[in-house]
PDB file of N, CA and C in Angstrom:
ATOM      1  N   MET A   1      72.779 207.026 -33.778  1.00  0.00           N
ATOM      2  CA  MET A   1      72.592 206.820 -35.215  1.00  0.00           C
ATOM      3  C   MET A   1      71.103 206.772 -35.548  1.00  0.00           C
ATOM      4  N   ASN A   2      70.723 207.478 -36.546  1.00  0.00           N
ATOM      5  CA  ASN A   2      69.353 207.482 -37.038  1.00  0.00           C
ATOM      6  C   ASN A   2      69.288 206.506 -38.206  1.00  0.00           C
ATOM      7  N   GLN A   3      68.741 205.313 -37.973  1.00  0.00           N
ATOM      8  CA  GLN A   3      68.712 204.275 -39.005  1.00  0.00           C
ATOM      9  C   GLN A   3      67.965 204.709 -40.259  1.00  0.00           C
ATOM     10  N   GLN A   4      66.823 205.367 -40.091  1.00  0.00           N
ATOM     11  CA  GLN A   4      66.025 205.771 -41.247  1.00  0.00           C
ATOM     12  C   GLN A   4      66.802 206.775 -42.103  1.00  0.00           C
ATOM     13  N   LYS A   5      67.470 207.727 -41.424  1.00  0.00           N
ATOM     14  CA  LYS A   5      68.255 208.738 -42.158  1.00  0.00           C
ATOM     15  C   LYS A   5      69.424 208.067 -42.892  1.00  0.00           C
ATOM     16  N   LEU A   6      70.081 207.107 -42.209  1.00  0.00           N
ATOM     17  CA  LEU A   6      71.178 206.399 -42.842  1.00  0.00           C
ATOM     18  C   LEU A   6      70.713 205.635 -44.082  1.00  0.00           C
ATOM     19  N   MET A   7      69.585 204.970 -43.978  1.00  0.00           N
ATOM     20  CA  MET A   7      69.055 204.214 -45.129  1.00  0.00           C
ATOM     21  C   MET A   7      68.668 205.171 -46.277  1.00  0.00           C
ATOM     22  N   SER A   8      68.159 206.339 -45.930  1.00  0.00           N
ATOM     23  CA  SER A   8      67.834 207.337 -46.969  1.00  0.00           C
ATOM     24  C   SER A   8      69.107 207.839 -47.651  1.00  0.00           C
ATOM     25  N   LEU A   9      70.137 208.110 -46.862  1.00  0.00           N
ATOM     26  CA  LEU A   9      71.420 208.563 -47.447  1.00  0.00           C
ATOM     27  C   LEU A   9      72.013 207.491 -48.363  1.00  0.00           C
ATOM     28  N   LEU A  10      71.932 206.241 -47.939  1.00  0.00           N
ATOM     29  CA  LEU A  10      72.429 205.147 -48.783  1.00  0.00           C
ATOM     30  C   LEU A  10      71.630 205.030 -50.076  1.00  0.00           C
ATOM     31  N   GLY A  11      70.336 205.242 -49.976  1.00  0.00           N
ATOM     32  CA  GLY A  11      69.470 205.215 -51.163  1.00  0.00           C
ATOM     33  C   GLY A  11      69.853 206.325 -52.132  1.00  0.00           C
ATOM     34  N   LEU A  12      70.093 207.523 -51.613  1.00  0.00           N
ATOM     35  CA  LEU A  12      70.506 208.633 -52.466  1.00  0.00           C
ATOM     36  C   LEU A  12      71.842 208.353 -53.143  1.00  0.00           C
ATOM     37  N   ALA A  13      72.778 207.821 -52.370  1.00  0.00           N
ATOM     38  CA  ALA A  13      74.099 207.485 -52.930  1.00  0.00           C
ATOM     39  C   ALA A  13      73.962 206.431 -54.028  1.00  0.00           C
ATOM     40  N   GLN A  14      73.062 205.464 -53.835  1.00  0.00           N
ATOM     41  CA  GLN A  14      72.859 204.417 -54.830  1.00  0.00           C
ATOM     42  C   GLN A  14      72.304 205.041 -56.119  1.00  0.00           C
ATOM     43  N   LYS A  15      71.301 205.934 -55.979  1.00  0.00           N
ATOM     44  CA  LYS A  15      70.719 206.599 -57.138  1.00  0.00           C
ATOM     45  C   LYS A  15      71.740 207.435 -57.874  1.00  0.00           C
ATOM     46  N   ALA A  16      72.697 207.981 -57.135  1.00  0.00           N
ATOM     47  CA  ALA A  16      73.745 208.807 -57.737  1.00  0.00           C
ATOM     48  C   ALA A  16      74.865 207.942 -58.348  1.00  0.00           C
ATOM     49  N   GLY A  17      74.789 206.646 -58.159  1.00  0.00           N
ATOM     50  CA  GLY A  17      75.803 205.751 -58.691  1.00  0.00           C
ATOM     51  C   GLY A  17      77.104 205.768 -57.896  1.00  0.00           C
ATOM     52  N   LYS A  18      76.999 206.101 -56.612  1.00  0.00           N
ATOM     53  CA  LYS A  18      78.199 206.215 -55.778  1.00  0.00           C
ATOM     54  C   LYS A  18      78.323 205.069 -54.769  1.00  0.00           C
ATOM     55  N   ILE A  19      77.565 203.987 -54.960  1.00  0.00           N
ATOM     56  CA  ILE A  19      77.650 202.822 -54.076  1.00  0.00           C
ATOM     57  C   ILE A  19      78.013 201.599 -54.918  1.00  0.00           C
ATOM     58  N   VAL A  20      78.910 200.802 -54.357  1.00  0.00           N
ATOM     59  CA  VAL A  20      79.274 199.524 -54.947  1.00  0.00           C
ATOM     60  C   VAL A  20      78.840 198.459 -53.974  1.00  0.00           C
ATOM     61  N   SER A  21      78.121 197.439 -54.503  1.00  0.00           N
ATOM     62  CA  SER A  21      77.672 196.352 -53.637  1.00  0.00           C
ATOM     63  C   SER A  21      77.884 195.023 -54.341  1.00  0.00           C
ATOM     64  N   GLY A  22      77.845 193.971 -53.558  1.00  0.00           N
ATOM     65  CA  GLY A  22      78.153 192.653 -54.094  1.00  0.00           C
ATOM     66  C   GLY A  22      79.584 192.308 -53.744  1.00  0.00           C
ATOM     67  N   ASP A  23      79.805 191.049 -53.390  1.00  0.00           N
ATOM     68  CA  ASP A  23      81.104 190.624 -52.874  1.00  0.00           C
ATOM     69  C   ASP A  23      82.283 191.004 -53.762  1.00  0.00           C
ATOM     70  N   PHE A  24      82.271 190.586 -55.002  1.00  0.00           N
ATOM     71  CA  PHE A  24      83.417 190.840 -55.887  1.00  0.00           C
ATOM     72  C   PHE A  24      83.586 192.322 -56.201  1.00  0.00           C
ATOM     73  N   ALA A  25      82.471 193.034 -56.380  1.00  0.00           N
ATOM     74  CA  ALA A  25      82.530 194.438 -56.673  1.00  0.00           C
ATOM     75  C   ALA A  25      83.082 195.249 -55.494  1.00  0.00           C
ATOM     76  N   VAL A  26      82.672 194.872 -54.271  1.00  0.00           N
ATOM     77  CA  VAL A  26      83.167 195.571 -53.075  1.00  0.00           C
ATOM     78  C   VAL A  26      84.663 195.322 -52.920  1.00  0.00           C
ATOM     79  N   GLN A  27      85.088 194.073 -53.067  1.00  0.00           N
ATOM     80  CA  GLN A  27      86.514 193.753 -52.961  1.00  0.00           C
ATOM     81  C   GLN A  27      87.300 194.496 -54.006  1.00  0.00           C
ATOM     82  N   GLY A  28      86.782 194.558 -55.234  1.00  0.00           N
ATOM     83  CA  GLY A  28      87.460 195.263 -56.318  1.00  0.00           C
ATOM     84  C   GLY A  28      87.596 196.743 -56.057  1.00  0.00           C
ATOM     85  N   ALA A  29      86.526 197.351 -55.520  1.00  0.00           N
ATOM     86  CA  ALA A  29      86.563 198.784 -55.222  1.00  0.00           C
ATOM     87  C   ALA A  29      87.564 199.090 -54.119  1.00  0.00           C
ATOM     88  N   ILE A  30      87.657 198.212 -53.134  1.00  0.00           N
ATOM     89  CA  ILE A  30      88.642 198.429 -52.054  1.00  0.00           C
ATOM     90  C   ILE A  30      90.059 198.287 -52.608  1.00  0.00           C
ATOM     91  N   LYS A  31      90.300 197.212 -53.325  1.00  0.00           N
ATOM     92  CA  LYS A  31      91.640 196.956 -53.857  1.00  0.00           C
ATOM     93  C   LYS A  31      92.098 198.019 -54.859  1.00  0.00           C
ATOM     94  N   SER A  32      91.152 198.569 -55.645  1.00  0.00           N
ATOM     95  CA  SER A  32      91.516 199.560 -56.639  1.00  0.00           C
ATOM     96  C   SER A  32      91.670 200.959 -56.074  1.00  0.00           C
ATOM     97  N   GLY A  33      91.284 201.140 -54.796  1.00  0.00           N
ATOM     98  CA  GLY A  33      91.398 202.456 -54.175  1.00  0.00           C
ATOM     99  C   GLY A  33      90.208 203.366 -54.397  1.00  0.00           C
ATOM    100  N   LYS A  34      89.129 202.859 -55.005  1.00  0.00           N
ATOM    101  CA  LYS A  34      87.942 203.683 -55.242  1.00  0.00           C
ATOM    102  C   LYS A  34      87.093 203.844 -53.992  1.00  0.00           C
ATOM    103  N   ALA A  35      87.217 202.921 -53.048  1.00  0.00           N
ATOM    104  CA  ALA A  35      86.381 202.934 -51.851  1.00  0.00           C
ATOM    105  C   ALA A  35      86.792 204.073 -50.929  1.00  0.00           C
ATOM    106  N   ARG A  36      85.787 204.759 -50.383  1.00  0.00           N
ATOM    107  CA  ARG A  36      86.031 205.824 -49.415  1.00  0.00           C
ATOM    108  C   ARG A  36      85.506 205.442 -48.031  1.00  0.00           C
ATOM    109  N   LEU A  37      84.461 204.583 -47.986  1.00  0.00           N
ATOM    110  CA  LEU A  37      83.852 204.172 -46.753  1.00  0.00           C
ATOM    111  C   LEU A  37      83.238 202.785 -46.960  1.00  0.00           C
ATOM    112  N   LEU A  38      83.422 201.900 -46.003  1.00  0.00           N
ATOM    113  CA  LEU A  38      82.900 200.535 -46.083  1.00  0.00           C
ATOM    114  C   LEU A  38      81.887 200.342 -44.983  1.00  0.00           C
ATOM    115  N   ILE A  39      80.709 199.868 -45.337  1.00  0.00           N
ATOM    116  CA  ILE A  39      79.694 199.542 -44.336  1.00  0.00           C
ATOM    117  C   ILE A  39      79.435 198.044 -44.442  1.00  0.00           C
ATOM    118  N   ILE A  40      79.624 197.359 -43.337  1.00  0.00           N
ATOM    119  CA  ILE A  40      79.408 195.918 -43.262  1.00  0.00           C
ATOM    120  C   ILE A  40      78.148 195.682 -42.425  1.00  0.00           C
ATOM    121  N   ALA A  41      77.313 194.763 -42.861  1.00  0.00           N
ATOM    122  CA  ALA A  41      76.101 194.430 -42.116  1.00  0.00           C
ATOM    123  C   ALA A  41      76.470 193.828 -40.766  1.00  0.00           C
ATOM    124  N   ALA A  42      75.769 194.260 -39.743  1.00  0.00           N
ATOM    125  CA  ALA A  42      76.057 193.776 -38.382  1.00  0.00           C
ATOM    126  C   ALA A  42      75.847 192.284 -38.251  1.00  0.00           C
ATOM    127  N   ASP A  43      74.961 191.715 -39.074  1.00  0.00           N
ATOM    128  CA  ASP A  43      74.681 190.289 -38.988  1.00  0.00           C
ATOM    129  C   ASP A  43      75.459 189.454 -40.009  1.00  0.00           C
ATOM    130  N   ALA A  44      76.469 190.056 -40.625  1.00  0.00           N
ATOM    131  CA  ALA A  44      77.353 189.295 -41.537  1.00  0.00           C
ATOM    132  C   ALA A  44      78.173 188.318 -40.716  1.00  0.00           C
ATOM    133  N   SER A  45      78.629 187.248 -41.336  1.00  0.00           N
ATOM    134  CA  SER A  45      79.427 186.265 -40.603  1.00  0.00           C
ATOM    135  C   SER A  45      80.739 186.878 -40.112  1.00  0.00           C
ATOM    136  N   GLU A  46      81.286 186.308 -39.066  1.00  0.00           N
ATOM    137  CA  GLU A  46      82.543 186.829 -38.535  1.00  0.00           C
ATOM    138  C   GLU A  46      83.672 186.747 -39.572  1.00  0.00           C
ATOM    139  N   SER A  47      83.679 185.678 -40.346  1.00  0.00           N
ATOM    140  CA  SER A  47      84.745 185.538 -41.361  1.00  0.00           C
ATOM    141  C   SER A  47      84.600 186.613 -42.430  1.00  0.00           C
ATOM    142  N   THR A  48      83.363 186.943 -42.802  1.00  0.00           N
ATOM    143  CA  THR A  48      83.126 187.998 -43.787  1.00  0.00           C
ATOM    144  C   THR A  48      83.579 189.337 -43.240  1.00  0.00           C
ATOM    145  N   LYS A  49      83.216 189.613 -41.986  1.00  0.00           N
ATOM    146  CA  LYS A  49      83.629 190.882 -41.364  1.00  0.00           C
ATOM    147  C   LYS A  49      85.142 190.996 -41.326  1.00  0.00           C
ATOM    148  N   LYS A  50      85.812 189.932 -40.879  1.00  0.00           N
ATOM    149  CA  LYS A  50      87.284 189.942 -40.790  1.00  0.00           C
ATOM    150  C   LYS A  50      87.912 190.188 -42.161  1.00  0.00           C
ATOM    151  N   GLU A  51      87.374 189.490 -43.168  1.00  0.00           N
ATOM    152  CA  GLU A  51      87.936 189.624 -44.522  1.00  0.00           C
ATOM    153  C   GLU A  51      87.854 191.066 -45.020  1.00  0.00           C
ATOM    154  N   TYR A  52      86.654 191.650 -44.909  1.00  0.00           N
ATOM    155  CA  TYR A  52      86.463 193.037 -45.334  1.00  0.00           C
ATOM    156  C   TYR A  52      87.290 194.022 -44.518  1.00  0.00           C
ATOM    157  N   GLN A  53      87.299 193.833 -43.197  1.00  0.00           N
ATOM    158  CA  GLN A  53      88.071 194.724 -42.329  1.00  0.00           C
ATOM    159  C   GLN A  53      89.544 194.665 -42.649  1.00  0.00           C
ATOM    160  N   HIS A  54      90.053 193.488 -42.960  1.00  0.00           N
ATOM    161  CA  HIS A  54      91.468 193.339 -43.318  1.00  0.00           C
ATOM    162  C   HIS A  54      91.760 194.074 -44.620  1.00  0.00           C
ATOM    163  N   LEU A  55      90.913 193.912 -45.617  1.00  0.00           N
ATOM    164  CA  LEU A  55      91.109 194.617 -46.900  1.00  0.00           C
ATOM    165  C   LEU A  55      91.064 196.135 -46.684  1.00  0.00           C
ATOM    166  N   ALA A  56      90.082 196.584 -45.900  1.00  0.00           N
ATOM    167  CA  ALA A  56      89.925 198.035 -45.676  1.00  0.00           C
ATOM    168  C   ALA A  56      91.096 198.615 -44.893  1.00  0.00           C
ATOM    169  N   ALA A  57      91.588 197.857 -43.913  1.00  0.00           N
ATOM    170  CA  ALA A  57      92.730 198.337 -43.102  1.00  0.00           C
ATOM    171  C   ALA A  57      93.963 198.521 -43.974  1.00  0.00           C
ATOM    172  N   ALA A  58      94.155 197.639 -44.936  1.00  0.00           N
ATOM    173  CA  ALA A  58      95.308 197.735 -45.823  1.00  0.00           C
ATOM    174  C   ALA A  58      95.279 199.002 -46.663  1.00  0.00           C
ATOM    175  N   LYS A  59      94.077 199.507 -46.938  1.00  0.00           N
ATOM    176  CA  LYS A  59      93.911 200.709 -47.767  1.00  0.00           C
ATOM    177  C   LYS A  59      93.506 201.930 -46.944  1.00  0.00           C
ATOM    178  N   ASN A  60      93.506 201.785 -45.588  1.00  0.00           N
ATOM    179  CA  ASN A  60      93.149 202.900 -44.702  1.00  0.00           C
ATOM    180  C   ASN A  60      91.756 203.425 -44.950  1.00  0.00           C
ATOM    181  N   ILE A  61      90.773 202.528 -45.052  1.00  0.00           N
ATOM    182  CA  ILE A  61      89.391 202.884 -45.315  1.00  0.00           C
ATOM    183  C   ILE A  61      88.594 202.737 -44.015  1.00  0.00           C
ATOM    184  N   THR A  62      87.773 203.714 -43.709  1.00  0.00           N
ATOM    185  CA  THR A  62      86.949 203.668 -42.508  1.00  0.00           C
ATOM    186  C   THR A  62      85.862 202.603 -42.688  1.00  0.00           C
ATOM    187  N   VAL A  63      85.632 201.849 -41.591  1.00  0.00           N
ATOM    188  CA  VAL A  63      84.646 200.738 -41.625  1.00  0.00           C
ATOM    189  C   VAL A  63      83.638 200.920 -40.511  1.00  0.00           C
ATOM    190  N   PHE A  64      82.377 200.687 -40.826  1.00  0.00           N
ATOM    191  CA  PHE A  64      81.317 200.666 -39.824  1.00  0.00           C
ATOM    192  C   PHE A  64      80.533 199.366 -39.994  1.00  0.00           C
ATOM    193  N   CYS A  65      80.142 198.754 -38.884  1.00  0.00           N
ATOM    194  CA  CYS A  65      79.293 197.564 -38.881  1.00  0.00           C
ATOM    195  C   CYS A  65      77.934 197.976 -38.338  1.00  0.00           C
ATOM    196  N   VAL A  66      76.984 198.183 -39.236  1.00  0.00           N
ATOM    197  CA  VAL A  66      75.631 198.611 -38.839  1.00  0.00           C
ATOM    198  C   VAL A  66      74.587 197.973 -39.735  1.00  0.00           C
ATOM    199  N   LEU A  67      73.377 198.065 -39.312  1.00  0.00           N
ATOM    200  CA  LEU A  67      72.196 197.540 -40.036  1.00  0.00           C
ATOM    201  C   LEU A  67      72.301 196.030 -40.242  1.00  0.00           C
ATOM    202  N   SER A  68      71.235 195.443 -40.690  1.00  0.00           N
ATOM    203  CA  SER A  68      71.219 194.022 -41.021  1.00  0.00           C
ATOM    204  C   SER A  68      71.451 193.890 -42.523  1.00  0.00           C
ATOM    205  N   LYS A  69      71.729 192.679 -42.975  1.00  0.00           N
ATOM    206  CA  LYS A  69      71.905 192.466 -44.420  1.00  0.00           C
ATOM    207  C   LYS A  69      70.639 192.863 -45.167  1.00  0.00           C
ATOM    208  N   GLU A  70      69.494 192.581 -44.575  1.00  0.00           N
ATOM    209  CA  GLU A  70      68.217 192.917 -45.211  1.00  0.00           C
ATOM    210  C   GLU A  70      68.048 194.432 -45.321  1.00  0.00           C
ATOM    211  N   GLN A  71      68.352 195.145 -44.225  1.00  0.00           N
ATOM    212  CA  GLN A  71      68.228 196.610 -44.217  1.00  0.00           C
ATOM    213  C   GLN A  71      69.228 197.242 -45.199  1.00  0.00           C
ATOM    214  N   LEU A  72      70.465 196.742 -45.207  1.00  0.00           N
ATOM    215  CA  LEU A  72      71.490 197.282 -46.080  1.00  0.00           C
ATOM    216  C   LEU A  72      71.104 197.109 -47.553  1.00  0.00           C
ATOM    217  N   GLY A  73      70.631 195.931 -47.896  1.00  0.00           N
ATOM    218  CA  GLY A  73      70.156 195.693 -49.278  1.00  0.00           C
ATOM    219  C   GLY A  73      68.942 196.527 -49.607  1.00  0.00           C
ATOM    220  N   GLY A  74      67.984 196.554 -48.666  1.00  0.00           N
ATOM    221  CA  GLY A  74      66.751 197.320 -48.908  1.00  0.00           C
ATOM    222  C   GLY A  74      66.996 198.790 -49.106  1.00  0.00           C
ATOM    223  N   ALA A  75      67.955 199.339 -48.388  1.00  0.00           N
ATOM    224  CA  ALA A  75      68.276 200.768 -48.477  1.00  0.00           C
ATOM    225  C   ALA A  75      68.727 201.148 -49.872  1.00  0.00           C
ATOM    226  N   ILE A  76      69.371 200.209 -50.567  1.00  0.00           N
ATOM    227  CA  ILE A  76      69.875 200.520 -51.922  1.00  0.00           C
ATOM    228  C   ILE A  76      69.047 199.835 -53.012  1.00  0.00           C
ATOM    229  N   GLY A  77      67.914 199.282 -52.616  1.00  0.00           N
ATOM    230  CA  GLY A  77      67.015 198.663 -53.588  1.00  0.00           C
ATOM    231  C   GLY A  77      67.530 197.347 -54.159  1.00  0.00           C
ATOM    232  N   LYS A  78      68.263 196.593 -53.364  1.00  0.00           N
ATOM    233  CA  LYS A  78      68.813 195.319 -53.813  1.00  0.00           C
ATOM    234  C   LYS A  78      68.406 194.230 -52.839  1.00  0.00           C
ATOM    235  N   ALA A  79      68.821 193.001 -53.145  1.00  0.00           N
ATOM    236  CA  ALA A  79      68.604 191.871 -52.230  1.00  0.00           C
ATOM    237  C   ALA A  79      69.549 192.014 -51.036  1.00  0.00           C
ATOM    238  N   LEU A  80      69.625 191.002 -50.194  1.00  0.00           N
ATOM    239  CA  LEU A  80      70.522 191.047 -49.039  1.00  0.00           C
ATOM    240  C   LEU A  80      71.928 191.445 -49.443  1.00  0.00           C
ATOM    241  N   ARG A  81      72.540 192.309 -48.645  1.00  0.00           N
ATOM    242  CA  ARG A  81      73.917 192.744 -48.897  1.00  0.00           C
ATOM    243  C   ARG A  81      74.701 192.658 -47.593  1.00  0.00           C
ATOM    244  N   ALA A  82      75.858 191.980 -47.635  1.00  0.00           N
ATOM    245  CA  ALA A  82      76.716 191.876 -46.447  1.00  0.00           C
ATOM    246  C   ALA A  82      77.578 193.112 -46.294  1.00  0.00           C
ATOM    247  N   ALA A  83      77.856 193.792 -47.421  1.00  0.00           N
ATOM    248  CA  ALA A  83      78.692 194.983 -47.368  1.00  0.00           C
ATOM    249  C   ALA A  83      78.429 195.887 -48.568  1.00  0.00           C
ATOM    250  N   VAL A  84      78.596 197.181 -48.356  1.00  0.00           N
ATOM    251  CA  VAL A  84      78.539 198.151 -49.442  1.00  0.00           C
ATOM    252  C   VAL A  84      79.697 199.134 -49.259  1.00  0.00           C
ATOM    253  N   VAL A  85      80.140 199.690 -50.385  1.00  0.00           N
ATOM    254  CA  VAL A  85      81.205 200.674 -50.384  1.00  0.00           C
ATOM    255  C   VAL A  85      80.674 201.975 -50.956  1.00  0.00           C
ATOM    256  N   ILE A  86      80.983 203.062 -50.285  1.00  0.00           N
ATOM    257  CA  ILE A  86      80.651 204.399 -50.814  1.00  0.00           C
ATOM    258  C   ILE A  86      81.912 204.901 -51.511  1.00  0.00           C
ATOM    259  N   THR A  87      81.757 205.357 -52.736  1.00  0.00           N
ATOM    260  CA  THR A  87      82.923 205.727 -53.538  1.00  0.00           C
ATOM    261  C   THR A  87      83.094 207.247 -53.704  1.00  0.00           C
ATOM    262  N   ASP A  88      82.221 208.038 -53.085  1.00  0.00           N
ATOM    263  CA  ASP A  88      82.249 209.475 -53.277  1.00  0.00           C
ATOM    264  C   ASP A  88      82.355 210.206 -51.930  1.00  0.00           C
ATOM    265  N   GLU A  89      83.338 211.088 -51.788  1.00  0.00           N
ATOM    266  CA  GLU A  89      83.561 211.832 -50.548  1.00  0.00           C
ATOM    267  C   GLU A  89      82.329 212.658 -50.176  1.00  0.00           C
ATOM    268  N   GLY A  90      81.576 213.125 -51.149  1.00  0.00           N
ATOM    269  CA  GLY A  90      80.386 213.940 -50.865  1.00  0.00           C
ATOM    270  C   GLY A  90      79.352 213.191 -50.055  1.00  0.00           C
ATOM    271  N   PHE A  91      79.306 211.880 -50.163  1.00  0.00           N
ATOM    272  CA  PHE A  91      78.352 211.088 -49.367  1.00  0.00           C
ATOM    273  C   PHE A  91      78.999 210.561 -48.087  1.00  0.00           C
ATOM    274  N   VAL A  92      80.296 210.476 -48.070  1.00  0.00           N
ATOM    275  CA  VAL A  92      81.000 209.916 -46.903  1.00  0.00           C
ATOM    276  C   VAL A  92      80.753 210.765 -45.657  1.00  0.00           C
ATOM    277  N   LYS A  93      80.873 212.094 -45.791  1.00  0.00           N
ATOM    278  CA  LYS A  93      80.736 212.973 -44.627  1.00  0.00           C
ATOM    279  C   LYS A  93      79.367 212.882 -43.969  1.00  0.00           C
ATOM    280  N   PRO A  94      78.252 213.041 -44.706  1.00  0.00           N
ATOM    281  CA  PRO A  94      76.960 212.947 -44.028  1.00  0.00           C
ATOM    282  C   PRO A  94      76.657 211.558 -43.457  1.00  0.00           C
ATOM    283  N   ILE A  95      77.111 210.523 -44.145  1.00  0.00           N
ATOM    284  CA  ILE A  95      76.896 209.161 -43.642  1.00  0.00           C
ATOM    285  C   ILE A  95      77.685 208.949 -42.366  1.00  0.00           C
ATOM    286  N   THR A  96      78.951 209.371 -42.379  1.00  0.00           N
ATOM    287  CA  THR A  96      79.813 209.220 -41.191  1.00  0.00           C
ATOM    288  C   THR A  96      79.244 209.996 -40.008  1.00  0.00           C
ATOM    289  N   LEU A  97      78.811 211.228 -40.260  1.00  0.00           N
ATOM    290  CA  LEU A  97      78.231 212.039 -39.170  1.00  0.00           C
ATOM    291  C   LEU A  97      77.019 211.365 -38.588  1.00  0.00           C
ATOM    292  N   ASN A  98      76.166 210.785 -39.463  1.00  0.00           N
ATOM    293  CA  ASN A  98      74.969 210.091 -38.969  1.00  0.00           C
ATOM    294  C   ASN A  98      75.354 208.872 -38.135  1.00  0.00           C
ATOM    295  N   LEU A  99      76.340 208.132 -38.571  1.00  0.00           N
ATOM    296  CA  LEU A  99      76.777 206.940 -37.872  1.00  0.00           C
ATOM    297  C   LEU A  99      77.398 207.270 -36.513  1.00  0.00           C
ATOM    298  N   GLN A 100      77.977 208.442 -36.377  1.00  0.00           N
ATOM    299  CA  GLN A 100      78.642 208.838 -35.138  1.00  0.00           C
ATOM    300  C   GLN A 100      77.691 209.487 -34.134  1.00  0.00           C
ATOM    301  N   GLU A 101      76.448 209.738 -34.522  1.00  0.00           N
ATOM    302  CA  GLU A 101      75.462 210.358 -33.629  1.00  0.00           C
ATOM    303  C   GLU A 101      75.133 209.450 -32.479  1.00  0.00           C
TER     304      GLU A 101
END
């Protein structure tokens, strides 16, 4: 995984309005079916990870645990973020490919 490339892709997705962040917004996007990919910060608490993974599993959404909360937030120009959701398939493929490298 190329961290810098991943952070750039997340930044582009944010500028395009295809990222949802913040606890309630992320949960809402997952429950409503808008979420296509869930990224959880590697340093998020175990209970947070379990909660998000459970929600994502119920909707068959791919989940990755990468970056720190600081990096995840910084990539999208926000404060610390424990999780972000990508809502557009056009961004899911390049982000997933980068994560699988």
